[in-house]
């Protein structure tokens, strides 16, 4: 894989650019990849169901992290586990753990 060193003028770059996707990995490395063409994909029932569950999980994460007390809880756990608060919140939704209901 080629390595690219960007000019210090570019503090951050991400998004779509001419059929390419530019983003940072969790380790902070720049990733440039061809944008996938999903126009002809036929999703199975299981895939559609999972996409729906994932949409609910991200909605839970957004709502949970908006509550300062719950956000601090996720930030402490994330630091211990070397993960992100967002990832833990999404994971908790799939495990059936709802801190909003407990709060």
N, C-alpha and C. Protein backbone atom coordinates (compact mmCIF):
# COMPACT_ATOMS: atom_id res chain seq x y z
N UNK A 1 0.85 -1.17 0.00
CA UNK A 1 0.00 0.00 0.00
C UNK A 1 0.90 1.24 0.00
N UNK A 2 0.64 2.17 -0.90
CA UNK A 2 1.47 3.38 -0.92
C UNK A 2 1.20 4.25 0.30
N UNK A 3 2.23 4.92 0.73
CA UNK A 3 2.12 5.86 1.85
C UNK A 3 2.24 7.27 1.30
N UNK A 4 1.42 8.18 1.80
CA UNK A 4 1.42 9.56 1.34
C UNK A 4 1.62 10.47 2.54
N UNK A 5 2.54 11.39 2.44
CA UNK A 5 2.72 12.39 3.48
C UNK A 5 2.11 13.68 2.97
N UNK A 6 1.15 14.20 3.70
CA UNK A 6 0.45 15.41 3.29
C UNK A 6 1.20 16.64 3.80
N UNK A 7 1.07 17.71 3.08
CA UNK A 7 1.64 18.99 3.48
C UNK A 7 0.99 19.41 4.80
N UNK A 8 1.73 20.01 5.73
CA UNK A 8 1.14 20.42 7.01
C UNK A 8 -0.05 21.36 6.88
N UNK A 9 -0.22 21.95 5.70
CA UNK A 9 -1.35 22.83 5.47
C UNK A 9 -2.67 22.08 5.65
N UNK A 10 -2.68 20.78 5.35
CA UNK A 10 -3.89 19.97 5.47
C UNK A 10 -3.94 19.37 6.87
N UNK A 11 -4.77 19.94 7.71
CA UNK A 11 -4.91 19.42 9.06
C UNK A 11 -5.78 18.16 9.04
N UNK A 12 -6.82 18.19 8.23
CA UNK A 12 -7.71 17.04 8.14
C UNK A 12 -8.32 17.00 6.76
N UNK A 13 -8.51 15.79 6.25
CA UNK A 13 -9.19 15.63 4.97
C UNK A 13 -10.03 14.37 5.06
N UNK A 14 -11.30 14.48 4.72
CA UNK A 14 -12.18 13.31 4.70
C UNK A 14 -13.37 13.62 3.82
N UNK A 15 -14.01 12.57 3.31
CA UNK A 15 -15.18 12.75 2.46
C UNK A 15 -15.01 12.10 1.11
N UNK A 16 -15.87 12.48 0.15
CA UNK A 16 -15.85 11.92 -1.20
C UNK A 16 -15.13 12.88 -2.14
N UNK A 17 -14.37 12.31 -3.05
CA UNK A 17 -13.62 13.13 -3.98
C UNK A 17 -13.44 12.34 -5.28
N UNK A 18 -14.15 12.74 -6.34
CA UNK A 18 -14.00 12.09 -7.66
C UNK A 18 -14.08 10.57 -7.61
N UNK A 19 -15.12 10.03 -7.04
CA UNK A 19 -15.29 8.59 -7.00
C UNK A 19 -14.37 7.88 -6.01
N UNK A 20 -13.72 8.66 -5.16
CA UNK A 20 -12.85 8.10 -4.13
C UNK A 20 -13.39 8.51 -2.76
N UNK A 21 -13.09 7.70 -1.75
CA UNK A 21 -13.45 8.00 -0.37
C UNK A 21 -12.17 8.25 0.38
N UNK A 22 -12.11 9.36 1.11
CA UNK A 22 -10.93 9.72 1.89
C UNK A 22 -11.34 9.79 3.35
N UNK A 23 -10.66 9.02 4.22
CA UNK A 23 -10.99 9.05 5.65
C UNK A 23 -9.78 8.68 6.48
N UNK A 24 -9.91 8.87 7.78
CA UNK A 24 -8.85 8.49 8.70
C UNK A 24 -9.24 7.19 9.39
N UNK A 25 -8.27 6.30 9.55
CA UNK A 25 -8.50 5.07 10.29
C UNK A 25 -8.52 5.40 11.78
N UNK A 26 -9.02 4.50 12.63
CA UNK A 26 -8.98 4.75 14.07
C UNK A 26 -7.56 4.97 14.60
N UNK A 27 -6.56 4.46 13.88
CA UNK A 27 -5.17 4.65 14.27
C UNK A 27 -4.60 5.96 13.75
N UNK A 28 -5.40 6.72 13.01
CA UNK A 28 -4.97 8.02 12.52
C UNK A 28 -4.31 7.99 11.15
N UNK A 29 -4.35 6.86 10.46
CA UNK A 29 -3.75 6.76 9.13
C UNK A 29 -4.76 7.20 8.08
N UNK A 30 -4.29 7.84 7.03
CA UNK A 30 -5.13 8.29 5.94
C UNK A 30 -5.46 7.12 5.03
N UNK A 31 -6.75 6.94 4.71
CA UNK A 31 -7.20 5.86 3.83
C UNK A 31 -7.88 6.50 2.63
N UNK A 32 -7.44 6.12 1.43
CA UNK A 32 -8.07 6.57 0.20
C UNK A 32 -8.46 5.31 -0.56
N UNK A 33 -9.75 5.17 -0.85
CA UNK A 33 -10.23 3.96 -1.51
C UNK A 33 -11.26 4.33 -2.57
N UNK A 34 -11.43 3.43 -3.54
CA UNK A 34 -12.45 3.63 -4.56
C UNK A 34 -13.82 3.56 -3.91
N UNK A 35 -14.68 4.49 -4.26
CA UNK A 35 -16.03 4.51 -3.71
C UNK A 35 -16.81 3.32 -4.26
N UNK A 36 -17.41 2.52 -3.39
CA UNK A 36 -18.12 1.33 -3.88
C UNK A 36 -19.41 1.70 -4.61
N UNK A 37 -19.73 0.94 -5.65
CA UNK A 37 -20.98 1.13 -6.39
C UNK A 37 -22.00 0.15 -5.83
N UNK A 38 -22.92 0.64 -5.03
CA UNK A 38 -23.91 -0.22 -4.38
C UNK A 38 -25.27 -0.15 -5.09
N UNK A 39 -25.31 0.45 -6.28
CA UNK A 39 -26.58 0.68 -6.96
C UNK A 39 -27.29 -0.60 -7.39
N UNK A 40 -26.55 -1.66 -7.66
CA UNK A 40 -27.18 -2.90 -8.14
C UNK A 40 -27.27 -3.98 -7.06
N UNK A 41 -26.96 -3.64 -5.82
CA UNK A 41 -26.99 -4.61 -4.73
C UNK A 41 -28.43 -4.86 -4.31
N UNK A 42 -28.80 -6.11 -4.18
CA UNK A 42 -30.11 -6.50 -3.68
C UNK A 42 -29.91 -7.02 -2.26
N UNK A 43 -30.41 -6.26 -1.28
CA UNK A 43 -30.23 -6.63 0.12
C UNK A 43 -31.17 -7.78 0.49
N UNK A 44 -30.65 -8.74 1.24
CA UNK A 44 -31.49 -9.84 1.72
C UNK A 44 -32.34 -9.34 2.89
N UNK A 45 -33.33 -10.15 3.30
CA UNK A 45 -34.18 -9.76 4.43
C UNK A 45 -33.34 -9.61 5.69
N UNK A 46 -32.39 -10.51 5.89
CA UNK A 46 -31.53 -10.43 7.08
C UNK A 46 -30.68 -9.16 7.06
N UNK A 47 -30.17 -8.79 5.89
CA UNK A 47 -29.37 -7.58 5.79
C UNK A 47 -30.23 -6.34 6.05
N UNK A 48 -31.45 -6.34 5.52
CA UNK A 48 -32.35 -5.22 5.76
C UNK A 48 -32.68 -5.10 7.24
N UNK A 49 -32.92 -6.23 7.89
CA UNK A 49 -33.22 -6.23 9.33
C UNK A 49 -32.03 -5.72 10.13
N UNK A 50 -30.82 -6.15 9.76
CA UNK A 50 -29.64 -5.70 10.48
C UNK A 50 -29.41 -4.21 10.28
N UNK A 51 -29.62 -3.73 9.07
CA UNK A 51 -29.45 -2.30 8.80
C UNK A 51 -30.45 -1.49 9.64
N UNK A 52 -31.66 -2.01 9.80
CA UNK A 52 -32.66 -1.33 10.61
C UNK A 52 -32.22 -1.31 12.08
N UNK A 53 -31.71 -2.46 12.59
CA UNK A 53 -31.22 -2.52 13.97
C UNK A 53 -30.04 -1.58 14.17
N UNK A 54 -29.15 -1.51 13.17
CA UNK A 54 -27.99 -0.63 13.28
C UNK A 54 -28.42 0.83 13.31
N UNK A 55 -29.45 1.16 12.54
CA UNK A 55 -29.98 2.53 12.55
C UNK A 55 -30.51 2.88 13.94
N UNK A 56 -31.20 1.93 14.58
CA UNK A 56 -31.69 2.15 15.94
C UNK A 56 -30.53 2.26 16.93
N UNK A 57 -29.47 1.47 16.71
CA UNK A 57 -28.31 1.51 17.60
C UNK A 57 -27.61 2.86 17.52
N UNK A 58 -27.48 3.41 16.31
CA UNK A 58 -26.83 4.71 16.19
C UNK A 58 -27.71 5.82 16.77
N UNK A 59 -29.02 5.67 16.65
CA UNK A 59 -29.93 6.65 17.26
C UNK A 59 -29.79 6.62 18.78
N UNK A 60 -29.68 5.40 19.35
CA UNK A 60 -29.47 5.27 20.79
C UNK A 60 -28.15 5.92 21.20
N UNK A 61 -27.08 5.65 20.46
CA UNK A 61 -25.77 6.21 20.79
C UNK A 61 -25.82 7.73 20.77
N UNK A 62 -26.46 8.30 19.76
CA UNK A 62 -26.55 9.76 19.66
C UNK A 62 -27.31 10.33 20.85
N UNK A 63 -28.42 9.70 21.21
CA UNK A 63 -29.22 10.18 22.32
C UNK A 63 -28.50 9.99 23.66
N UNK A 64 -27.86 8.83 23.84
CA UNK A 64 -27.17 8.55 25.10
C UNK A 64 -25.99 9.49 25.31
N UNK A 65 -25.22 9.75 24.25
CA UNK A 65 -24.04 10.61 24.39
C UNK A 65 -24.41 12.08 24.53
N UNK A 66 -25.67 12.42 24.30
CA UNK A 66 -26.13 13.80 24.48
C UNK A 66 -26.42 14.10 25.95
N UNK A 67 -26.52 13.04 26.78
CA UNK A 67 -26.77 13.20 28.21
C UNK A 67 -25.40 13.23 28.91
N UNK A 68 -25.04 14.35 29.54
CA UNK A 68 -23.69 14.49 30.10
C UNK A 68 -23.27 13.37 31.07
N UNK A 69 -24.17 12.96 31.94
CA UNK A 69 -23.83 11.90 32.92
C UNK A 69 -23.51 10.58 32.21
N UNK A 70 -24.33 10.22 31.23
CA UNK A 70 -24.12 8.97 30.49
C UNK A 70 -22.87 9.09 29.63
N UNK A 71 -22.65 10.25 29.03
CA UNK A 71 -21.46 10.46 28.21
C UNK A 71 -20.19 10.24 29.03
N UNK A 72 -20.16 10.79 30.27
CA UNK A 72 -18.99 10.60 31.14
C UNK A 72 -18.77 9.12 31.43
N UNK A 73 -19.86 8.38 31.66
CA UNK A 73 -19.76 6.94 31.91
C UNK A 73 -19.12 6.23 30.71
N UNK A 74 -19.61 6.55 29.52
CA UNK A 74 -19.05 5.93 28.31
C UNK A 74 -17.60 6.36 28.08
N UNK A 75 -17.28 7.61 28.37
CA UNK A 75 -15.89 8.07 28.18
C UNK A 75 -14.94 7.34 29.12
N UNK A 76 -15.34 7.14 30.37
CA UNK A 76 -14.48 6.40 31.31
C UNK A 76 -14.28 4.95 30.87
N UNK A 77 -15.40 4.29 30.49
CA UNK A 77 -15.30 2.90 30.03
C UNK A 77 -14.46 2.80 28.76
N UNK A 78 -14.66 3.74 27.85
CA UNK A 78 -13.93 3.71 26.57
C UNK A 78 -12.44 3.85 26.80
N UNK A 79 -12.05 4.72 27.73
CA UNK A 79 -10.63 4.93 27.99
C UNK A 79 -9.99 3.65 28.54
N UNK A 80 -10.70 2.97 29.44
CA UNK A 80 -10.19 1.71 30.02
C UNK A 80 -10.03 0.63 28.96
N UNK A 81 -10.99 0.58 28.02
CA UNK A 81 -11.01 -0.49 27.01
C UNK A 81 -10.33 -0.10 25.71
N UNK A 82 -9.78 1.12 25.64
CA UNK A 82 -9.14 1.63 24.43
C UNK A 82 -10.10 1.57 23.24
N UNK A 83 -11.30 2.07 23.47
CA UNK A 83 -12.34 2.14 22.44
C UNK A 83 -12.90 3.54 22.41
N UNK A 84 -13.89 3.78 21.56
CA UNK A 84 -14.54 5.08 21.51
C UNK A 84 -15.86 5.02 22.27
N UNK A 85 -16.29 6.13 22.87
CA UNK A 85 -17.59 6.14 23.54
C UNK A 85 -18.73 5.77 22.57
N UNK A 86 -18.61 6.25 21.33
CA UNK A 86 -19.65 5.95 20.33
C UNK A 86 -19.73 4.44 20.09
N UNK A 87 -18.60 3.80 19.90
CA UNK A 87 -18.58 2.36 19.65
C UNK A 87 -19.16 1.57 20.81
N UNK A 88 -18.85 1.98 22.04
CA UNK A 88 -19.39 1.30 23.21
C UNK A 88 -20.90 1.47 23.30
N UNK A 89 -21.39 2.66 22.99
CA UNK A 89 -22.84 2.90 23.05
C UNK A 89 -23.57 2.05 22.01
N UNK A 90 -23.03 1.97 20.82
CA UNK A 90 -23.64 1.13 19.77
C UNK A 90 -23.61 -0.34 20.21
N UNK A 91 -22.49 -0.76 20.75
CA UNK A 91 -22.34 -2.13 21.23
C UNK A 91 -23.35 -2.44 22.35
N UNK A 92 -23.50 -1.49 23.27
CA UNK A 92 -24.47 -1.68 24.36
C UNK A 92 -25.88 -1.88 23.82
N UNK A 93 -26.23 -1.12 22.79
CA UNK A 93 -27.58 -1.28 22.22
C UNK A 93 -27.79 -2.71 21.73
N UNK A 94 -26.79 -3.25 21.04
CA UNK A 94 -26.92 -4.62 20.51
C UNK A 94 -26.94 -5.65 21.63
N UNK A 95 -26.32 -5.34 22.77
CA UNK A 95 -26.31 -6.26 23.92
C UNK A 95 -27.58 -6.11 24.76
N UNK A 96 -28.39 -5.11 24.45
CA UNK A 96 -29.61 -4.89 25.22
C UNK A 96 -29.39 -4.04 26.46
N UNK A 97 -28.24 -3.40 26.57
CA UNK A 97 -27.95 -2.54 27.73
C UNK A 97 -28.35 -1.11 27.36
N UNK A 98 -29.28 -0.56 28.12
CA UNK A 98 -29.80 0.78 27.82
C UNK A 98 -29.56 1.68 29.03
N UNK A 99 -28.53 2.50 28.99
CA UNK A 99 -28.23 3.40 30.10
C UNK A 99 -29.26 4.52 30.22
N UNK A 100 -29.96 4.82 29.13
CA UNK A 100 -30.99 5.86 29.20
C UNK A 100 -32.15 5.43 30.10
N UNK A 101 -32.50 4.14 30.04
CA UNK A 101 -33.59 3.62 30.86
C UNK A 101 -33.18 3.55 32.34
N UNK A 102 -31.88 3.31 32.58
CA UNK A 102 -31.39 3.21 33.95
C UNK A 102 -31.19 4.57 34.59
N UNK A 103 -30.86 5.59 33.73
CA UNK A 103 -30.50 6.92 34.21
C UNK A 103 -31.61 7.60 34.89
